[in-house]
C-alpha atoms as a PDB file:
ATOM      1  CA  MET A   1      40.544 138.413 163.545  1.00  0.00           C
ATOM      2  CA  TYR A   2      42.872 135.824 163.295  1.00  0.00           C
ATOM      3  CA  HIS A   3      42.038 134.332 159.660  1.00  0.00           C
ATOM      4  CA  HIS A   4      41.207 137.647 157.989  1.00  0.00           C
ATOM      5  CA  LEU A   5      44.126 140.055 159.668  1.00  0.00           C
ATOM      6  CA  LEU A   6      46.388 137.920 161.302  1.00  0.00           C
ATOM      7  CA  ARG A   7      46.769 135.037 159.075  1.00  0.00           C
ATOM      8  CA  PRO A   8      47.562 136.686 156.038  1.00  0.00           C
ATOM      9  CA  LEU A   9      49.948 138.820 157.222  1.00  0.00           C
ATOM     10  CA  LEU A  10      51.771 135.938 158.772  1.00  0.00           C
ATOM     11  CA  PHE A  11      51.823 134.399 155.727  1.00  0.00           C
ATOM     12  CA  LEU A  12      53.720 136.919 154.069  1.00  0.00           C
ATOM     13  CA  LEU A  13      56.774 135.999 156.125  1.00  0.00           C
ATOM     14  CA  ASP A  14      58.563 132.904 155.756  1.00  0.00           C
ATOM     15  CA  PRO A  15      57.561 130.114 158.120  1.00  0.00           C
ATOM     16  CA  GLU A  16      60.143 129.692 160.641  1.00  0.00           C
ATOM     17  CA  ARG A  17      60.188 133.673 160.710  1.00  0.00           C
ATOM     18  CA  ALA A  18      56.411 133.605 161.232  1.00  0.00           C
ATOM     19  CA  HIS A  19      56.307 131.282 164.028  1.00  0.00           C
ATOM     20  CA  ARG A  20      59.329 133.337 165.550  1.00  0.00           C
ATOM     21  CA  LEU A  21      57.575 136.666 165.460  1.00  0.00           C
ATOM     22  CA  THR A  22      53.811 134.956 166.729  1.00  0.00           C
ATOM     23  CA  MET A  23      55.819 133.459 169.847  1.00  0.00           C
ATOM     24  CA  ARG A  24      57.336 137.181 170.332  1.00  0.00           C
ATOM     25  CA  LEU A  25      53.763 138.871 170.177  1.00  0.00           C
ATOM     26  CA  LEU A  26      52.092 136.438 172.251  1.00  0.00           C
ATOM     27  CA  HIS A  27      55.008 136.741 175.021  1.00  0.00           C
ATOM     28  CA  GLY A  28      54.763 140.216 174.800  1.00  0.00           C
ATOM     29  CA  VAL A  29      50.684 140.055 174.658  1.00  0.00           C
ATOM     30  CA  LEU A  30      50.538 138.178 177.417  1.00  0.00           C
ATOM     31  CA  SER A  31      52.562 140.342 179.437  1.00  0.00           C
ATOM     32  CA  LEU A  32      50.335 143.288 179.500  1.00  0.00           C
ATOM     33  CA  PRO A  33      48.128 143.355 182.851  1.00  0.00           C
ATOM     34  CA  GLY A  34      44.732 141.718 182.885  1.00  0.00           C
ATOM     35  CA  ILE A  35      45.581 139.910 179.234  1.00  0.00           C
ATOM     36  CA  ARG A  36      46.501 136.715 180.643  1.00  0.00           C
ATOM     37  CA  GLY A  37      42.981 135.991 182.432  1.00  0.00           C
ATOM     38  CA  LEU A  38      41.500 137.485 179.033  1.00  0.00           C
ATOM     39  CA  PHE A  39      43.052 134.853 176.991  1.00  0.00           C
ATOM     40  CA  ARG A  40      41.605 132.096 179.119  1.00  0.00           C
ATOM     41  CA  ARG A  41      38.455 133.106 178.932  1.00  0.00           C
ATOM     42  CA  LEU A  42      38.971 133.674 174.848  1.00  0.00           C
ATOM     43  CA  PHE A  43      40.075 130.401 174.483  1.00  0.00           C
ATOM     44  CA  SER A  44      39.454 128.169 177.315  1.00  0.00           C
ATOM     45  CA  LEU A  45      36.478 125.962 178.322  1.00  0.00           C
ATOM     46  CA  PRO A  46      37.157 124.801 181.573  1.00  0.00           C
ATOM     47  CA  ASN A  47      34.251 122.096 182.257  1.00  0.00           C
ATOM     48  CA  LYS A  48      35.071 118.694 184.113  1.00  0.00           C
ATOM     49  CA  ARG A  49      33.056 116.736 181.603  1.00  0.00           C
ATOM     50  CA  LEU A  50      35.978 117.196 179.341  1.00  0.00           C
ATOM     51  CA  GLN A  51      38.332 116.079 181.609  1.00  0.00           C
ATOM     52  CA  ARG A  52      40.251 112.413 180.227  1.00  0.00           C
ATOM     53  CA  GLN A  53      41.826 109.872 182.154  1.00  0.00           C
ATOM     54  CA  ALA A  54      44.483 108.168 180.543  1.00  0.00           C
ATOM     55  CA  MET A  55      47.680 106.906 181.451  1.00  0.00           C
ATOM     56  CA  GLY A  56      47.042 107.705 185.260  1.00  0.00           C
ATOM     57  CA  LEU A  57      47.121 111.280 184.380  1.00  0.00           C
ATOM     58  CA  THR A  58      43.793 113.777 183.935  1.00  0.00           C
ATOM     59  CA  PHE A  59      43.905 116.031 181.074  1.00  0.00           C
ATOM     60  CA  ALA A  60      41.587 118.889 181.533  1.00  0.00           C
ATOM     61  CA  ASN A  61      40.333 118.660 178.016  1.00  0.00           C
ATOM     62  CA  PRO A  62      41.286 116.230 175.208  1.00  0.00           C
ATOM     63  CA  VAL A  63      43.330 118.512 172.629  1.00  0.00           C
ATOM     64  CA  GLY A  64      46.918 118.955 172.784  1.00  0.00           C
ATOM     65  CA  LEU A  65      49.777 120.856 170.769  1.00  0.00           C
ATOM     66  CA  ALA A  66      51.612 118.489 169.109  1.00  0.00           C
ATOM     67  CA  ALA A  67      55.164 118.251 169.378  1.00  0.00           C
ATOM     68  CA  GLY A  68      57.279 121.009 167.390  1.00  0.00           C
ATOM     69  CA  PHE A  69      55.846 123.894 167.934  1.00  0.00           C
ATOM     70  CA  ASP A  70      57.468 124.437 171.307  1.00  0.00           C
ATOM     71  CA  LYS A  71      60.510 121.961 170.661  1.00  0.00           C
ATOM     72  CA  ASP A  72      62.965 123.714 173.408  1.00  0.00           C
ATOM     73  CA  ALA A  73      60.171 124.009 175.911  1.00  0.00           C
ATOM     74  CA  ARG A  74      60.311 128.248 175.382  1.00  0.00           C
ATOM     75  CA  HIS A  75      56.753 129.413 175.139  1.00  0.00           C
ATOM     76  CA  LEU A  76      55.049 126.619 178.116  1.00  0.00           C
ATOM     77  CA  THR A  77      53.551 129.299 179.991  1.00  0.00           C
ATOM     78  CA  ASP A  78      52.473 131.176 177.303  1.00  0.00           C
ATOM     79  CA  LEU A  79      51.000 128.006 175.201  1.00  0.00           C
ATOM     80  CA  ALA A  80      48.938 127.364 178.283  1.00  0.00           C
ATOM     81  CA  ALA A  81      47.059 130.305 177.974  1.00  0.00           C
ATOM     82  CA  LEU A  82      45.338 129.160 174.798  1.00  0.00           C
ATOM     83  CA  GLY A  83      43.475 126.091 176.475  1.00  0.00           C
ATOM     84  CA  PHE A  84      45.204 123.180 175.666  1.00  0.00           C
ATOM     85  CA  GLY A  85      44.605 119.974 177.666  1.00  0.00           C
ATOM     86  CA  PHE A  86      48.848 119.074 177.307  1.00  0.00           C
ATOM     87  CA  ILE A  87      51.557 120.596 175.660  1.00  0.00           C
ATOM     88  CA  GLU A  88      54.201 117.859 174.094  1.00  0.00           C
ATOM     89  CA  ILE A  89      57.647 119.740 173.534  1.00  0.00           C
ATOM     90  CA  GLY A  90      60.642 118.318 171.296  1.00  0.00           C
ATOM     91  CA  THR A  91      61.232 116.325 169.433  1.00  0.00           C
ATOM     92  CA  LEU A  92      64.784 116.779 171.969  1.00  0.00           C
ATOM     93  CA  THR A  93      68.157 115.141 171.347  1.00  0.00           C
ATOM     94  CA  PRO A  94      71.021 114.728 173.913  1.00  0.00           C
ATOM     95  CA  ARG A  95      73.132 117.039 171.960  1.00  0.00           C
ATOM     96  CA  PRO A  96      72.110 120.487 170.304  1.00  0.00           C
ATOM     97  CA  GLN A  97      71.857 120.388 166.455  1.00  0.00           C
ATOM     98  CA  PRO A  98      70.992 123.102 164.527  1.00  0.00           C
ATOM     99  CA  GLY A  99      68.797 120.798 161.722  1.00  0.00           C
ATOM    100  CA  ASN A 100      68.723 120.775 158.042  1.00  0.00           C
ATOM    101  CA  ALA A 101      69.568 124.045 156.286  1.00  0.00           C
ATOM    102  CA  PRO A 102      67.190 126.660 155.673  1.00  0.00           C
ATOM    103  CA  PRO A 103      64.532 126.971 154.189  1.00  0.00           C
ATOM    104  CA  ARG A 104      63.153 123.578 155.502  1.00  0.00           C
ATOM    105  CA  LEU A 105      59.490 124.965 156.234  1.00  0.00           C
ATOM    106  CA  PHE A 106      56.923 125.171 153.235  1.00  0.00           C
ATOM    107  CA  ARG A 107      53.049 126.211 153.372  1.00  0.00           C
ATOM    108  CA  LEU A 108      50.916 124.686 151.003  1.00  0.00           C
ATOM    109  CA  PRO A 109      47.591 127.413 151.247  1.00  0.00           C
ATOM    110  CA  ALA A 110      45.733 124.986 148.456  1.00  0.00           C
ATOM    111  CA  ASP A 111      46.011 121.956 150.697  1.00  0.00           C
ATOM    112  CA  GLU A 112      46.322 123.350 154.082  1.00  0.00           C
ATOM    113  CA  ALA A 113      49.327 121.902 154.614  1.00  0.00           C
ATOM    114  CA  LEU A 114      53.062 122.102 155.751  1.00  0.00           C
ATOM    115  CA  ILE A 115      55.972 120.445 154.576  1.00  0.00           C
ATOM    116  CA  ASN A 116      58.808 120.580 156.698  1.00  0.00           C
ATOM    117  CA  ARG A 117      62.315 118.829 156.564  1.00  0.00           C
ATOM    118  CA  MET A 118      63.393 120.683 159.944  1.00  0.00           C
ATOM    119  CA  GLY A 119      65.710 117.793 161.107  1.00  0.00           C
ATOM    120  CA  PHE A 120      65.398 117.782 165.115  1.00  0.00           C
ATOM    121  CA  ASN A 121      66.676 121.293 165.177  1.00  0.00           C
ATOM    122  CA  ASN A 122      66.751 121.923 169.374  1.00  0.00           C
ATOM    123  CA  GLU A 123      69.048 123.133 172.098  1.00  0.00           C
ATOM    124  CA  GLY A 124      69.341 120.040 173.484  1.00  0.00           C
ATOM    125  CA  VAL A 125      67.848 117.881 176.385  1.00  0.00           C
ATOM    126  CA  ASP A 126      69.946 119.782 178.907  1.00  0.00           C
ATOM    127  CA  ALA A 127      68.489 123.242 177.899  1.00  0.00           C
ATOM    128  CA  ALA A 128      64.957 122.235 177.804  1.00  0.00           C
ATOM    129  CA  VAL A 129      65.338 120.378 181.220  1.00  0.00           C
ATOM    130  CA  ALA A 130      66.462 123.983 182.985  1.00  0.00           C
ATOM    131  CA  ARG A 131      62.906 125.348 182.075  1.00  0.00           C
ATOM    132  CA  LEU A 132      60.794 122.807 182.519  1.00  0.00           C
ATOM    133  CA  ARG A 133      62.007 123.217 186.074  1.00  0.00           C
ATOM    134  CA  GLN A 134      59.832 126.134 186.187  1.00  0.00           C
ATOM    135  CA  ARG A 135      57.287 124.979 184.298  1.00  0.00           C
ATOM    136  CA  PRO A 136      53.453 126.075 184.623  1.00  0.00           C
ATOM    137  CA  PRO A 137      51.529 124.390 187.300  1.00  0.00           C
ATOM    138  CA  GLY A 138      48.912 121.850 186.773  1.00  0.00           C
ATOM    139  CA  LEU A 139      49.866 121.630 182.997  1.00  0.00           C
ATOM    140  CA  ILE A 140      50.536 118.107 181.490  1.00  0.00           C
ATOM    141  CA  VAL A 141      53.931 118.222 179.602  1.00  0.00           C
ATOM    142  CA  GLY A 142      54.958 115.288 177.329  1.00  0.00           C
ATOM    143  CA  GLY A 143      58.702 114.895 176.341  1.00  0.00           C
ATOM    144  CA  ASN A 144      59.001 113.568 172.491  1.00  0.00           C
ATOM    145  CA  ILE A 145      63.046 112.549 172.512  1.00  0.00           C
ATOM    146  CA  GLY A 146      64.903 110.994 169.591  1.00  0.00           C
ATOM    147  CA  LYS A 147      68.334 110.755 168.424  1.00  0.00           C
ATOM    148  CA  ASN A 148      71.220 113.197 167.335  1.00  0.00           C
ATOM    149  CA  LYS A 149      71.723 113.137 163.697  1.00  0.00           C
ATOM    150  CA  ALA A 150      75.628 111.987 163.977  1.00  0.00           C
ATOM    151  CA  THR A 151      74.720 109.185 166.160  1.00  0.00           C
ATOM    152  CA  SER A 152      74.255 105.903 164.263  1.00  0.00           C
ATOM    153  CA  ASN A 153      71.226 103.743 164.227  1.00  0.00           C
ATOM    154  CA  GLU A 154      73.425 100.754 166.180  1.00  0.00           C
ATOM    155  CA  GLN A 155      74.185 103.840 169.274  1.00  0.00           C
ATOM    156  CA  ALA A 156      70.917 105.070 169.099  1.00  0.00           C
ATOM    157  CA  VAL A 157      69.554 102.957 171.953  1.00  0.00           C
ATOM    158  CA  ALA A 158      72.244 105.498 174.213  1.00  0.00           C
ATOM    159  CA  ASP A 159      70.670 108.790 172.659  1.00  0.00           C
ATOM    160  CA  TYR A 160      66.911 107.922 173.966  1.00  0.00           C
ATOM    161  CA  GLU A 161      68.410 106.549 176.736  1.00  0.00           C
ATOM    162  CA  TYR A 162      70.359 109.614 177.888  1.00  0.00           C
ATOM    163  CA  CYS A 163      67.223 112.041 176.913  1.00  0.00           C
ATOM    164  CA  PHE A 164      64.482 109.723 178.966  1.00  0.00           C
ATOM    165  CA  THR A 165      66.943 109.987 182.127  1.00  0.00           C
ATOM    166  CA  ARG A 166      67.284 113.791 181.912  1.00  0.00           C
ATOM    167  CA  LEU A 167      63.913 114.536 181.609  1.00  0.00           C
ATOM    168  CA  PHE A 168      62.407 111.882 184.093  1.00  0.00           C
ATOM    169  CA  ASP A 169      61.834 114.170 186.897  1.00  0.00           C
ATOM    170  CA  VAL A 170      60.632 117.634 184.565  1.00  0.00           C
ATOM    171  CA  VAL A 171      57.702 115.793 181.712  1.00  0.00           C
ATOM    172  CA  ASP A 172      54.513 113.407 182.456  1.00  0.00           C
ATOM    173  CA  TYR A 173      54.908 111.037 179.801  1.00  0.00           C
ATOM    174  CA  PHE A 174      57.538 110.091 177.075  1.00  0.00           C
ATOM    175  CA  VAL A 175      57.146 109.888 173.242  1.00  0.00           C
ATOM    176  CA  VAL A 176      59.983 107.701 171.487  1.00  0.00           C
ATOM    177  CA  ASN A 177      59.883 109.385 167.646  1.00  0.00           C
ATOM    178  CA  VAL A 178      61.800 107.076 165.492  1.00  0.00           C
ATOM    179  CA  SER A 179      58.823 108.063 162.638  1.00  0.00           C
ATOM    180  CA  SER A 180      60.645 111.568 161.459  1.00  0.00           C
ATOM    181  CA  PRO A 181      61.144 111.579 157.578  1.00  0.00           C
ATOM    182  CA  ASN A 182      63.749 114.309 158.108  1.00  0.00           C
ATOM    183  CA  THR A 183      66.744 112.179 160.083  1.00  0.00           C
ATOM    184  CA  PRO A 184      68.771 110.159 157.582  1.00  0.00           C
ATOM    185  CA  GLY A 185      67.685 106.404 158.635  1.00  0.00           C
ATOM    186  CA  LEU A 186      65.841 107.148 161.549  1.00  0.00           C
ATOM    187  CA  ARG A 187      62.607 105.328 160.351  1.00  0.00           C
ATOM    188  CA  ALA A 188      64.477 102.247 159.801  1.00  0.00           C
ATOM    189  CA  LEU A 189      64.277 101.855 163.868  1.00  0.00           C
ATOM    190  CA  GLN A 190      60.436 101.287 163.204  1.00  0.00           C
ATOM    191  CA  ASP A 191      61.457  97.593 162.156  1.00  0.00           C
ATOM    192  CA  ARG A 192      60.799  94.925 164.444  1.00  0.00           C
ATOM    193  CA  GLU A 193      63.678  94.046 165.986  1.00  0.00           C
ATOM    194  CA  PRO A 194      65.545  97.272 166.763  1.00  0.00           C
ATOM    195  CA  LEU A 195      62.438  98.982 167.698  1.00  0.00           C
ATOM    196  CA  GLN A 196      61.635  96.382 170.070  1.00  0.00           C
ATOM    197  CA  HIS A 197      65.048  96.413 171.588  1.00  0.00           C
ATOM    198  CA  LEU A 198      64.568 100.065 171.968  1.00  0.00           C
ATOM    199  CA  LEU A 199      61.351  99.884 173.742  1.00  0.00           C
ATOM    200  CA  GLN A 200      62.337  97.083 176.127  1.00  0.00           C
ATOM    201  CA  HIS A 201      65.188  98.385 177.083  1.00  0.00           C
ATOM    202  CA  LEU A 202      63.605 102.353 177.828  1.00  0.00           C
ATOM    203  CA  GLN A 203      60.916  99.920 180.052  1.00  0.00           C
ATOM    204  CA  ARG A 204      63.373  98.584 182.318  1.00  0.00           C
ATOM    205  CA  LEU A 205      64.923 101.949 182.976  1.00  0.00           C
ATOM    206  CA  ASN A 206      61.376 102.919 183.720  1.00  0.00           C
ATOM    207  CA  GLY A 207      60.675 100.269 185.748  1.00  0.00           C
ATOM    208  CA  ALA A 208      63.551 100.716 187.655  1.00  0.00           C
ATOM    209  CA  LYS A 209      61.851 103.951 189.010  1.00  0.00           C
ATOM    210  CA  GLU A 210      59.941 104.565 191.994  1.00  0.00           C
ATOM    211  CA  ARG A 211      56.871 105.886 189.759  1.00  0.00           C
ATOM    212  CA  PRO A 212      57.298 105.088 186.190  1.00  0.00           C
ATOM    213  CA  LYS A 213      56.033 107.044 183.306  1.00  0.00           C
ATOM    214  CA  PRO A 214      53.767 106.729 180.715  1.00  0.00           C
ATOM    215  CA  ILE A 215      56.030 105.528 177.193  1.00  0.00           C
ATOM    216  CA  LEU A 216      54.194 106.244 173.891  1.00  0.00           C
ATOM    217  CA  LEU A 217      55.593 105.232 170.211  1.00  0.00           C
ATOM    218  CA  LYS A 218      55.005 108.181 167.175  1.00  0.00           C
ATOM    219  CA  ILE A 219      54.313 106.158 164.162  1.00  0.00           C
ATOM    220  CA  ALA A 220      54.545 107.211 160.664  1.00  0.00           C
ATOM    221  CA  PRO A 221      51.444 107.009 158.638  1.00  0.00           C
ATOM    222  CA  ASP A 222      53.517 105.327 155.724  1.00  0.00           C
ATOM    223  CA  GLN A 223      53.457 101.924 157.372  1.00  0.00           C
ATOM    224  CA  SER A 224      51.865  99.284 155.372  1.00  0.00           C
ATOM    225  CA  ASP A 225      49.108  97.089 157.264  1.00  0.00           C
ATOM    226  CA  SER A 226      51.254  94.045 157.994  1.00  0.00           C
ATOM    227  CA  GLN A 227      53.615  96.746 159.516  1.00  0.00           C
ATOM    228  CA  LEU A 228      51.062  98.278 161.523  1.00  0.00           C
ATOM    229  CA  GLN A 229      50.691  95.079 163.015  1.00  0.00           C
ATOM    230  CA  GLU A 230      54.065  94.233 163.868  1.00  0.00           C
ATOM    231  CA  ILE A 231      53.637  97.724 165.647  1.00  0.00           C
ATOM    232  CA  ILE A 232      50.481  96.332 167.815  1.00  0.00           C
ATOM    233  CA  GLY A 233      52.276  93.032 168.457  1.00  0.00           C
ATOM    234  CA  ILE A 234      55.498  95.235 169.852  1.00  0.00           C
ATOM    235  CA  VAL A 235      53.314  97.792 171.707  1.00  0.00           C
ATOM    236  CA  ARG A 236      51.619  94.516 173.532  1.00  0.00           C
ATOM    237  CA  THR A 237      54.952  92.338 174.209  1.00  0.00           C
ATOM    238  CA  THR A 238      56.626  95.864 175.471  1.00  0.00           C
ATOM    239  CA  GLY A 239      53.961  96.995 177.646  1.00  0.00           C
ATOM    240  CA  ILE A 240      54.385 100.276 176.611  1.00  0.00           C
ATOM    241  CA  ALA A 241      51.413 102.884 177.468  1.00  0.00           C
ATOM    242  CA  GLY A 242      50.570 103.282 173.861  1.00  0.00           C
ATOM    243  CA  VAL A 243      50.702 104.914 170.504  1.00  0.00           C
ATOM    244  CA  ILE A 244      50.672 108.281 168.953  1.00  0.00           C
ATOM    245  CA  ALA A 245      48.810 108.377 165.073  1.00  0.00           C
ATOM    246  CA  THR A 246      50.562 109.741 163.245  1.00  0.00           C
ATOM    247  CA  ASN A 247      53.809 111.784 162.540  1.00  0.00           C
ATOM    248  CA  THR A 248      54.094 113.297 159.174  1.00  0.00           C
ATOM    249  CA  THR A 249      53.986 111.665 155.458  1.00  0.00           C
ATOM    250  CA  ILE A 250      56.065 111.356 152.743  1.00  0.00           C
ATOM    251  CA  ASP A 251      53.148 110.029 149.798  1.00  0.00           C
ATOM    252  CA  ARG A 252      52.425 113.581 147.869  1.00  0.00           C
ATOM    253  CA  GLN A 253      49.640 112.093 146.311  1.00  0.00           C
ATOM    254  CA  GLY A 254      46.157 114.158 145.380  1.00  0.00           C
ATOM    255  CA  LEU A 255      47.420 117.268 146.325  1.00  0.00           C
ATOM    256  CA  HIS A 256      45.801 120.155 144.541  1.00  0.00           C
ATOM    257  CA  THR A 257      49.303 122.266 145.188  1.00  0.00           C
ATOM    258  CA  PRO A 258      50.880 122.257 141.149  1.00  0.00           C
ATOM    259  CA  ALA A 259      53.220 119.403 141.213  1.00  0.00           C
ATOM    260  CA  GLU A 260      56.223 121.169 139.968  1.00  0.00           C
ATOM    261  CA  LYS A 261      55.566 123.748 143.550  1.00  0.00           C
ATOM    262  CA  VAL A 262      55.919 120.420 145.244  1.00  0.00           C
ATOM    263  CA  ALA A 263      58.656 118.762 143.395  1.00  0.00           C
ATOM    264  CA  GLY A 264      60.468 122.145 143.815  1.00  0.00           C
ATOM    265  CA  ILE A 265      60.081 121.899 147.845  1.00  0.00           C
ATOM    266  CA  GLY A 266      61.676 118.658 147.760  1.00  0.00           C
ATOM    267  CA  ALA A 267      61.587 116.081 150.513  1.00  0.00           C
ATOM    268  CA  GLY A 268      60.567 116.269 153.859  1.00  0.00           C
ATOM    269  CA  GLY A 269      56.941 115.695 156.016  1.00  0.00           C
ATOM    270  CA  LEU A 270      53.398 116.767 154.671  1.00  0.00           C
ATOM    271  CA  SER A 271      51.288 117.216 157.546  1.00  0.00           C
ATOM    272  CA  GLY A 272      47.670 119.062 157.386  1.00  0.00           C
ATOM    273  CA  ARG A 273      44.304 118.030 155.637  1.00  0.00           C
ATOM    274  CA  PRO A 274      45.705 115.643 153.312  1.00  0.00           C
ATOM    275  CA  LEU A 275      47.242 113.165 156.081  1.00  0.00           C
ATOM    276  CA  ARG A 276      43.682 113.609 157.698  1.00  0.00           C
ATOM    277  CA  GLN A 277      42.165 110.362 156.543  1.00  0.00           C
ATOM    278  CA  ARG A 278      45.168 108.180 156.548  1.00  0.00           C
ATOM    279  CA  ALA A 279      45.547 108.839 160.002  1.00  0.00           C
ATOM    280  CA  THR A 280      42.075 108.265 161.183  1.00  0.00           C
ATOM    281  CA  GLU A 281      42.689 104.815 159.242  1.00  0.00           C
ATOM    282  CA  VAL A 282      45.573 104.355 161.028  1.00  0.00           C
ATOM    283  CA  ILE A 283      43.672 104.955 164.324  1.00  0.00           C
ATOM    284  CA  ARG A 284      40.808 102.673 163.798  1.00  0.00           C
ATOM    285  CA  THR A 285      43.349  99.699 162.609  1.00  0.00           C
ATOM    286  CA  LEU A 286      45.344 100.553 166.084  1.00  0.00           C
ATOM    287  CA  ARG A 287      42.591 100.468 168.134  1.00  0.00           C
ATOM    288  CA  GLN A 288      41.179  97.012 166.737  1.00  0.00           C
ATOM    289  CA  GLY A 289      44.428  95.556 167.179  1.00  0.00           C
ATOM    290  CA  LEU A 290      45.542  96.889 170.892  1.00  0.00           C
ATOM    291  CA  GLY A 291      41.597  96.883 172.391  1.00  0.00           C
ATOM    292  CA  SER A 292      40.589  99.150 175.032  1.00  0.00           C
ATOM    293  CA  GLU A 293      44.002  99.227 177.259  1.00  0.00           C
ATOM    294  CA  ALA A 294      46.400 100.826 175.144  1.00  0.00           C
ATOM    295  CA  VAL A 295      46.200 104.537 174.748  1.00  0.00           C
ATOM    296  CA  ILE A 296      45.977 106.399 171.310  1.00  0.00           C
ATOM    297  CA  ILE A 297      46.811 109.858 170.716  1.00  0.00           C
ATOM    298  CA  GLY A 298      45.623 110.952 167.171  1.00  0.00           C
ATOM    299  CA  VAL A 299      47.028 113.746 165.149  1.00  0.00           C
ATOM    300  CA  GLY A 300      47.048 114.417 161.812  1.00  0.00           C
ATOM    301  CA  GLY A 301      44.491 116.666 159.586  1.00  0.00           C
ATOM    302  CA  ILE A 302      42.644 118.039 162.102  1.00  0.00           C
ATOM    303  CA  MET A 303      41.315 121.057 160.882  1.00  0.00           C
ATOM    304  CA  SER A 304      37.944 121.409 162.094  1.00  0.00           C
ATOM    305  CA  ALA A 305      36.071 120.182 165.298  1.00  0.00           C
ATOM    306  CA  GLU A 306      34.308 117.611 162.880  1.00  0.00           C
ATOM    307  CA  ASP A 307      38.086 116.378 162.235  1.00  0.00           C
ATOM    308  CA  ALA A 308      38.651 115.743 165.971  1.00  0.00           C
ATOM    309  CA  LEU A 309      35.751 114.002 167.004  1.00  0.00           C
ATOM    310  CA  GLU A 310      36.614 112.039 163.790  1.00  0.00           C
ATOM    311  CA  LYS A 311      39.828 110.638 165.678  1.00  0.00           C
ATOM    312  CA  LEU A 312      37.754 110.120 169.101  1.00  0.00           C
ATOM    313  CA  ALA A 313      35.208 108.134 167.173  1.00  0.00           C
ATOM    314  CA  ALA A 314      38.055 105.843 165.315  1.00  0.00           C
ATOM    315  CA  GLY A 315      39.538 105.215 168.705  1.00  0.00           C
ATOM    316  CA  ALA A 316      41.445 107.972 170.176  1.00  0.00           C
ATOM    317  CA  ASP A 317      41.585 108.862 173.812  1.00  0.00           C
ATOM    318  CA  LEU A 318      43.582 112.366 173.009  1.00  0.00           C
ATOM    319  CA  ILE A 319      43.930 114.213 170.033  1.00  0.00           C
ATOM    320  CA  GLN A 320      46.948 116.539 169.189  1.00  0.00           C
ATOM    321  CA  VAL A 321      46.939 119.456 166.844  1.00  0.00           C
ATOM    322  CA  PHE A 322      49.741 121.366 164.799  1.00  0.00           C
ATOM    323  CA  THR A 323      48.792 122.313 161.387  1.00  0.00           C
ATOM    324  CA  GLY A 324      45.353 122.800 162.161  1.00  0.00           C
ATOM    325  CA  PHE A 325      46.338 125.246 164.614  1.00  0.00           C
ATOM    326  CA  ILE A 326      48.556 127.398 162.393  1.00  0.00           C
ATOM    327  CA  TYR A 327      45.810 127.780 159.628  1.00  0.00           C
ATOM    328  CA  GLN A 328      43.073 128.043 161.879  1.00  0.00           C
ATOM    329  CA  GLY A 329      44.172 130.138 164.602  1.00  0.00           C
ATOM    330  CA  PRO A 330      44.287 129.313 168.408  1.00  0.00           C
ATOM    331  CA  ALA A 331      40.315 129.459 168.292  1.00  0.00           C
ATOM    332  CA  LEU A 332      40.388 126.101 167.280  1.00  0.00           C
ATOM    333  CA  VAL A 333      41.228 124.631 170.471  1.00  0.00           C
ATOM    334  CA  LYS A 334      37.943 125.751 171.909  1.00  0.00           C
ATOM    335  CA  GLN A 335      36.011 124.765 168.925  1.00  0.00           C
ATOM    336  CA  ILE A 336      37.338 120.974 169.438  1.00  0.00           C
ATOM    337  CA  ASN A 337      36.483 120.951 172.965  1.00  0.00           C
ATOM    338  CA  ARG A 338      32.702 123.037 172.506  1.00  0.00           C
ATOM    339  CA  ALA A 339      32.366 120.325 170.158  1.00  0.00           C
ATOM    340  CA  TYR A 340      32.993 117.388 171.992  1.00  0.00           C
ATOM    341  CA  LEU A 341      31.110 118.885 175.047  1.00  0.00           C
ATOM    342  CA  ARG A 342      27.578 118.935 172.974  1.00  0.00           C
ATOM    343  CA  GLN A 343      28.348 115.538 171.491  1.00  0.00           C
ATOM    344  CA  MET A 344      28.471 114.544 174.484  1.00  0.00           C
ATOM    345  CA  GLN A 345      25.083 115.802 175.728  1.00  0.00           C
ATOM    346  CA  GLN A 346      23.452 114.450 173.027  1.00  0.00           C
ATOM    347  CA  ALA A 347      24.465 111.200 173.481  1.00  0.00           C
ATOM    348  CA  GLU A 348      22.902 111.271 176.911  1.00  0.00           C
ATOM    349  CA  GLY A 349      19.766 112.801 175.325  1.00  0.00           C
END
């Protein structure tokens, strides 16, 4: 139904408008008597063998929804009915900001990809905190945090501290986003000195809490091997819980979409199928360098169950979907979990 009816209709609309319409439709349908339970039966695969222990948390299954889909924590109750093991909100900034001027989200159907230059559009962390106090019970929620566009890199630590402090009581883990290509200068915070300073500061705040919470770093796929080795060293030095690999890419090589169309879209981060191989390579490199202790959440180009299993085999403990969820629909989550369960059963003989 999704592939043959809903997606063709939604793809006739501007991507942002389609997203808003989809969430309104989902909420309306789930408000009907008995439908929420039906959705859980259709899209969930409850099985204790799918549970994953990571960062001191128990995930019902390894498939999460990546940040950016529900930036402001508006739709957690509805999205929880679609079988996710966890949902990441954000990226959130201290103050509300509109993000970049539209159009800022573009589909590349020939590549099963998206290009976005959203620019951390969100209502501010305080609005999200108010909603998160009513979050669905039992759902693991991650808080992805960033800095406001108007905040200089020299003052960025204060923005991350504010978001960390405000969210601490209402999320289960944190993600430090310094890798979006859509906030000017943000990726400079991935350099060793500013990144280590930022993470050490957050870890000091975390350590002062009675029950510290896991902090992850989200990195770009465009890092060189030497830069990845620096990241590995920083993760070890700061003692953060792990890494999310990866964010969107600024690379445009190998696309099937005509070059003139891509050039006409302009700047932004590319996600979807073209990112699959590079994201997997980054995961593999990180796992080799970090050993088994640090957590890796794999994201990037997961368009099928096979893509998800590839990420897990490369060393990811958990995975997240975003663009694949848009192109393949909600059935993707159950397909991944079913394939993962089948793989475990086969491995046991």
